Amino acid sequence: MGIPRRAPLEMFKFSVYILLPIATIAYVSQPESIDKLIRAREYIVYPPEGKRPPQGSKNEIAEALTRIKADKAAETGETTTVPASASPAISAPEAAEFAKPNANIATPASPPETSAASGGWFGWIWGSK
């Protein structure tokens, strides 16, 4: 029994079905190519980042709030005074408690190495540059 006439076509289709996903993964796993693909289509345009809220103890936040109110009042030309009773009364131990970092809050892990030297997913094949 000989080779059917469609055997070369089936072998070609099979090789395309096997090699196309491998070639696609090899291309997309390279940091340069994925950056090029992402930058080619900017679907989301984020607005510029605004001012960050003050961080720290309650006293620092209260001071920042009074500064912000004074700046806004100076811009509009109003003259307002903030009474001394407006700042929260907080003791030194309470302020120290607020200043401590919370151990229960998870911090984000550092991102994996994606530089050109890492070689991407297939760095073990091509080696690092």
Protein backbone atom coordinates (compact mmCIF):
# COMPACT_ATOMS: atom_id res chain seq x y z
CA MET A 1 0.00 0.00 0.00
CA GLY A 2 1.46 3.34 -1.04
CA ILE A 3 1.38 6.81 0.45
CA PRO A 4 -1.97 8.50 -0.09
CA ARG A 5 -1.97 11.60 -2.28
CA ARG A 6 -3.09 13.81 0.58
CA ALA A 7 -0.26 12.75 2.92
CA PRO A 8 2.03 15.74 2.16
CA LEU A 9 -0.88 18.14 2.73
CA GLU A 10 -1.75 16.49 6.04
CA MET A 11 1.90 16.59 7.13
CA PHE A 12 2.06 20.30 6.27
CA LYS A 13 -1.15 21.05 8.18
CA PHE A 14 0.05 19.05 11.18
CA SER A 15 3.38 20.89 11.23
CA VAL A 16 1.58 24.27 11.04
CA TYR A 17 -0.73 23.28 13.90
CA ILE A 18 2.28 22.32 16.02
CA LEU A 19 4.76 25.06 15.09
CA LEU A 20 2.46 28.10 14.94
CA PRO A 21 1.63 28.17 18.69
CA ILE A 22 5.26 27.53 19.59
CA ALA A 23 6.47 30.33 17.31
CA THR A 24 3.79 32.69 18.66
CA ILE A 25 4.79 32.01 22.27
CA ALA A 26 8.46 32.44 21.41
CA TYR A 27 7.73 35.83 19.79
CA VAL A 28 5.41 37.14 22.49
CA SER A 29 7.66 36.00 25.34
CA GLN A 30 10.36 38.46 24.33
CA PRO A 31 10.04 41.73 26.31
CA GLU A 32 10.84 43.89 23.27
CA SER A 33 8.11 42.35 21.15
CA ILE A 34 5.42 42.52 23.84
CA ASP A 35 6.32 46.18 24.49
CA LYS A 36 6.04 46.84 20.76
CA LEU A 37 2.64 45.13 20.62
CA ILE A 38 1.28 46.99 23.65
CA ARG A 39 2.56 50.41 22.55
CA ALA A 40 1.12 49.95 19.05
CA ARG A 41 -2.43 50.05 20.39
CA GLU A 42 -3.00 52.49 23.20
CA TYR A 43 -6.60 51.69 24.04
CA ILE A 44 -6.71 53.37 27.43
CA VAL A 45 -5.48 56.92 27.89
CA TYR A 46 -5.13 57.67 31.57
CA PRO A 47 -5.48 61.25 32.83
CA PRO A 48 -2.46 62.80 34.55
CA GLU A 49 -2.09 61.89 38.19
CA GLY A 50 -3.36 64.42 40.71
CA LYS A 51 -2.00 65.40 44.08
CA ARG A 52 -1.59 62.57 46.56
CA PRO A 53 -3.36 62.76 49.92
CA PRO A 54 -1.11 63.45 52.91
CA GLN A 55 0.19 60.42 54.78
CA GLY A 56 1.41 60.17 58.34
CA SER A 57 0.06 60.77 61.81
CA LYS A 58 -3.16 62.59 62.54
CA ASN A 59 -1.24 65.72 63.49
CA GLU A 60 0.61 65.76 60.18
CA ILE A 61 -2.63 65.24 58.28
CA ALA A 62 -4.34 68.01 60.25
CA GLU A 63 -1.43 70.35 59.54
CA ALA A 64 -1.57 69.49 55.85
CA LEU A 65 -5.32 70.12 55.83
CA THR A 66 -4.92 73.55 57.43
CA ARG A 67 -2.18 74.36 54.88
CA ILE A 68 -4.44 73.30 52.00
CA LYS A 69 -7.33 75.37 53.37
CA ALA A 70 -5.02 78.37 53.79
CA ASP A 71 -3.74 77.96 50.21
CA LYS A 72 -7.29 77.79 48.85
CA ALA A 73 -8.30 80.80 50.92
CA ALA A 74 -5.27 82.72 49.61
CA GLU A 75 -6.20 81.84 46.02
CA THR A 76 -9.78 83.04 46.44
CA GLY A 77 -8.80 86.08 48.53
CA GLU A 78 -10.73 84.99 51.61
CA THR A 79 -9.29 85.54 55.03
CA THR A 80 -10.28 82.72 57.32
CA THR A 81 -8.62 81.59 60.47
CA VAL A 82 -8.65 78.07 61.75
CA PRO A 83 -9.36 77.88 65.48
CA ALA A 84 -6.85 76.03 67.64
CA SER A 85 -9.60 73.63 68.70
CA ALA A 86 -9.91 72.41 65.09
CA SER A 87 -6.75 70.30 65.32
CA PRO A 88 -7.39 66.89 66.88
CA ALA A 89 -6.04 66.29 70.34
CA ILE A 90 -3.87 63.19 70.18
CA SER A 91 -1.33 61.94 72.64
CA ALA A 92 2.22 60.96 71.75
CA PRO A 93 1.62 57.19 72.21
CA GLU A 94 -1.42 57.37 69.92
CA ALA A 95 0.61 59.29 67.34
CA ALA A 96 3.33 56.65 67.53
CA GLU A 97 0.70 53.95 67.03
CA PHE A 98 -0.55 55.66 63.86
CA ALA A 99 2.99 56.06 62.54
CA LYS A 100 3.73 52.30 62.81
CA PRO A 101 3.45 50.34 59.56
CA ASN A 102 0.62 47.85 59.68
CA ALA A 103 1.98 44.30 59.51
CA ASN A 104 -1.43 42.96 58.42
CA ILE A 105 -1.42 44.90 55.15
CA ALA A 106 0.22 42.97 52.34
CA THR A 107 2.76 44.87 50.31
CA PRO A 108 2.93 44.19 46.58
CA ALA A 109 5.71 41.88 45.49
CA SER A 110 8.34 43.16 43.12
CA PRO A 111 7.55 42.38 39.49
CA PRO A 112 9.42 39.53 37.83
CA GLU A 113 12.53 40.31 35.84
CA THR A 114 11.45 41.33 32.34
CA SER A 115 14.54 43.05 31.03
CA ALA A 116 16.06 42.16 27.69
CA ALA A 117 18.86 40.33 29.52
CA SER A 118 16.43 37.85 31.10
CA GLY A 119 15.54 36.32 27.72
CA GLY A 120 11.85 35.92 28.50
CA TRP A 121 10.25 32.50 28.81
CA PHE A 122 12.63 30.93 26.34
CA GLY A 123 15.82 32.39 27.83
CA TRP A 124 17.08 28.91 28.55
CA ILE A 125 16.98 28.17 24.80
CA TRP A 126 18.59 31.31 23.41
CA GLY A 127 20.60 32.16 26.49
CA SER A 128 20.89 35.57 28.06
CA LYS A 129 22.38 38.33 25.97
